[in-house]
Protein backbone atom coordinates (compact mmCIF):
# COMPACT_ATOMS: atom_id res chain seq x y z
CA MET A 1 63.72 -43.83 -84.58
CA ILE A 2 67.15 -44.77 -83.28
CA ASP A 3 69.83 -42.43 -84.59
CA ASP A 4 72.81 -44.42 -83.26
CA PRO A 5 74.98 -45.36 -86.30
CA ASN A 6 76.05 -48.58 -84.51
CA PHE A 7 72.46 -49.82 -84.32
CA ARG A 8 71.07 -51.96 -87.12
CA ARG A 9 67.51 -53.15 -87.16
CA GLY A 10 67.40 -56.80 -86.23
CA GLY A 11 70.69 -56.78 -84.37
CA THR A 12 73.78 -54.85 -83.55
CA ALA A 13 77.43 -55.34 -82.78
CA MET A 14 79.24 -52.91 -80.53
CA SER A 15 82.95 -52.57 -80.06
CA ALA A 16 84.47 -53.20 -76.63
CA ASP A 17 85.32 -49.52 -76.20
CA ARG A 18 81.85 -48.17 -77.03
CA GLY A 19 79.62 -46.77 -74.33
CA ASP A 20 79.62 -43.83 -71.96
CA THR A 21 81.12 -44.54 -68.53
CA TYR A 22 80.15 -42.78 -65.30
CA HIS A 23 81.66 -42.89 -61.82
CA LEU A 24 79.21 -43.07 -58.90
CA LEU A 25 79.83 -44.18 -55.31
CA GLY A 26 82.89 -46.30 -56.12
CA ASN A 27 81.33 -47.84 -59.24
CA LEU A 28 82.32 -47.35 -62.86
CA ILE A 29 79.06 -47.73 -64.79
CA ARG A 30 79.50 -48.37 -68.50
CA PHE A 31 76.49 -48.36 -70.79
CA HIS A 32 76.41 -51.15 -73.37
CA VAL A 33 72.73 -50.80 -74.36
CA ARG A 34 70.45 -47.91 -73.46
CA PRO A 35 66.64 -48.31 -73.49
CA PRO A 36 66.14 -46.52 -76.85
CA GLU A 37 68.61 -48.98 -78.41
CA SER A 38 66.51 -51.92 -77.16
CA GLY A 39 63.16 -50.56 -78.29
CA GLY A 40 62.52 -49.48 -74.69
CA GLY A 41 62.86 -53.01 -73.35
CA TYR A 42 65.99 -52.86 -71.21
CA CYS A 43 69.23 -51.16 -70.24
CA LEU A 44 72.51 -53.11 -70.04
CA VAL A 45 75.44 -51.75 -68.05
CA GLU A 46 78.75 -53.17 -66.91
CA LEU A 47 79.74 -52.27 -63.36
CA ARG A 48 83.32 -52.23 -62.12
CA THR A 49 83.11 -51.87 -58.34
CA ALA A 50 85.93 -50.90 -55.99
CA PRO A 51 86.60 -53.10 -52.92
CA GLY A 52 84.13 -52.16 -50.18
CA ALA A 53 81.95 -50.11 -52.55
CA GLY A 54 78.55 -50.94 -53.99
CA ALA A 55 75.02 -49.60 -53.86
CA PRO A 56 73.16 -48.63 -50.68
CA PRO A 57 69.74 -50.13 -49.92
CA ASN A 58 67.28 -48.90 -52.53
CA ARG A 59 64.10 -49.79 -54.35
CA HIS A 60 62.39 -48.73 -57.53
CA PRO A 61 58.82 -49.55 -58.56
CA GLU A 62 59.34 -49.60 -62.32
CA ASP A 63 62.49 -51.61 -63.10
CA ASP A 64 63.27 -55.27 -62.60
CA GLU A 65 67.01 -55.79 -62.14
CA VAL A 66 69.31 -58.73 -62.86
CA PHE A 67 72.97 -58.86 -61.79
CA TYR A 68 75.38 -61.32 -63.44
CA VAL A 69 78.79 -61.48 -61.74
CA LEU A 70 81.71 -61.60 -64.19
CA GLU A 71 84.56 -61.53 -61.69
CA GLY A 72 85.10 -60.91 -58.01
CA GLU A 73 82.95 -61.39 -54.92
CA PHE A 74 79.81 -59.49 -54.03
CA GLU A 75 77.36 -59.68 -51.19
CA PHE A 76 73.78 -58.79 -52.03
CA ARG A 77 70.92 -58.03 -49.72
CA VAL A 78 67.50 -58.65 -51.26
CA GLY A 79 64.69 -58.07 -48.80
CA GLU A 80 65.89 -59.77 -45.62
CA GLU A 81 68.18 -62.25 -47.38
CA ASN A 82 71.97 -61.94 -47.66
CA ILE A 83 73.21 -63.55 -50.88
CA PRO A 84 76.91 -64.15 -51.59
CA ALA A 85 77.68 -64.01 -55.32
CA ARG A 86 80.84 -64.92 -57.25
CA SER A 87 81.81 -65.22 -60.89
CA GLY A 88 79.00 -66.92 -62.82
CA ASP A 89 76.31 -66.23 -60.21
CA CYS A 90 73.13 -64.37 -61.08
CA VAL A 91 70.93 -62.38 -58.68
CA LYS A 92 67.38 -61.33 -59.71
CA VAL A 93 65.69 -58.39 -57.97
CA PRO A 94 61.98 -57.84 -58.72
CA ASN A 95 60.77 -54.27 -59.03
CA GLY A 96 59.90 -52.72 -55.69
CA ALA A 97 62.17 -55.02 -53.63
CA VAL A 98 64.67 -53.39 -51.27
CA HIS A 99 68.16 -54.43 -52.28
CA ALA A 100 71.83 -53.49 -51.95
CA PHE A 101 75.20 -54.89 -52.93
CA ARG A 102 78.83 -54.53 -51.95
CA ASN A 103 82.15 -55.79 -53.31
CA VAL A 104 83.47 -57.93 -50.44
CA GLY A 105 86.65 -59.02 -52.22
CA PRO A 106 90.15 -57.52 -52.08
CA ALA A 107 90.16 -56.36 -55.74
CA PRO A 108 87.79 -54.56 -58.10
CA ALA A 109 84.87 -56.76 -59.15
CA ARG A 110 82.73 -56.68 -62.29
CA MET A 111 79.19 -57.58 -63.22
CA LEU A 112 76.64 -57.03 -65.93
CA VAL A 113 73.35 -55.45 -64.87
CA ILE A 114 70.13 -55.58 -66.85
CA ASN A 115 67.34 -53.19 -65.88
CA SER A 116 63.96 -53.62 -67.53
CA PRO A 117 62.59 -51.43 -68.93
CA GLY A 118 65.59 -49.42 -67.72
CA ARG A 119 64.57 -45.79 -68.27
CA ILE A 120 64.89 -44.80 -64.61
CA HIS A 121 68.32 -46.40 -64.23
CA GLU A 122 69.59 -44.78 -67.42
CA ALA A 123 68.40 -41.36 -66.24
CA PHE A 124 69.72 -41.81 -62.69
CA PHE A 125 73.18 -43.13 -63.64
CA SER A 126 73.62 -40.46 -66.33
CA GLU A 127 72.61 -37.60 -64.05
CA ALA A 128 74.05 -38.66 -60.68
CA GLY A 129 77.29 -40.12 -62.03
CA ASP A 130 80.34 -38.21 -63.20
CA LEU A 131 81.18 -38.87 -66.86
CA VAL A 132 84.74 -40.21 -67.17
CA PRO A 133 86.94 -40.47 -70.29
CA ASP A 134 86.48 -43.41 -72.66
CA GLY A 135 88.50 -46.44 -71.63
CA THR A 136 88.67 -45.48 -67.93
CA THR A 137 89.24 -48.54 -65.73
CA ASP A 138 90.82 -46.88 -62.68
CA PHE A 139 88.59 -45.32 -60.07
CA PRO A 140 88.86 -41.52 -60.06
CA VAL A 141 90.33 -39.82 -57.01
CA GLN A 142 87.54 -37.91 -55.29
CA ASP A 143 88.02 -34.36 -54.00
CA GLY A 144 85.89 -35.15 -50.95
CA PRO A 145 82.99 -37.31 -49.82
CA PRO A 146 80.14 -37.92 -52.27
CA ASP A 147 77.29 -35.41 -52.25
CA ILE A 148 74.72 -37.81 -50.81
CA PRO A 149 71.85 -35.26 -50.62
CA ARG A 150 72.33 -34.62 -54.37
CA VAL A 151 72.30 -38.37 -55.13
CA LEU A 152 69.13 -38.83 -53.03
CA GLU A 153 67.42 -35.91 -54.79
CA ILE A 154 68.30 -37.23 -58.25
CA GLY A 155 67.11 -40.68 -57.19
CA ALA A 156 63.79 -39.30 -55.96
CA ARG A 157 63.29 -37.42 -59.23
CA ASN A 158 63.80 -40.70 -61.08
CA ARG A 159 61.49 -42.75 -58.83
CA MET A 160 64.35 -44.48 -57.00
CA GLU A 161 64.17 -44.54 -53.21
CA PHE A 162 67.37 -44.88 -51.19
CA LEU A 163 66.96 -46.14 -47.63
CA VAL A 164 69.99 -44.41 -46.14
CA GLY A 165 69.03 -45.30 -42.57
CA ALA A 166 69.19 -48.96 -43.57
CA ALA A 167 72.67 -48.65 -45.09
CA ASN A 168 74.41 -49.79 -41.92
CA GLU A 169 72.09 -52.79 -41.62
CA ALA A 170 72.45 -53.86 -45.26
CA HIS A 171 75.50 -56.01 -44.72
CA ALA A 172 75.30 -56.83 -41.02
């Protein structure tokens, strides 16, 4: 049973300021729908990505992933293919495919991401990311470099594999 007071059987409306937001690797990840709110079908997040930031090459055997660019310019790598994506473009990544993305524009960029069924992404983002205050749109100042071994370990626990050796090749 869903105990979220904003959820109504048959449909829901959520205010623009609802949803936990986490900071991870230059991305602000804001949850709009978590898997329990969708009957276990999907997870919907909004990403705000700093210029030059993104996600390193990774794969996950359980979640399909769809990226819909709202604003800005991204470059995706899916398998061996580089895919430029701008506002209105959609990139589909089947489960198990190696993929990465990076904001290649001069300003923060935004996209919606659907993961289905989404449990591993919800767990990974919530555990690896740093919870930021509601309404945060500026990227937090970091005290030092990200703790990559910690991120890799959390990813492995959630059945996400990061190919850190391939990170330099991802956007060659």
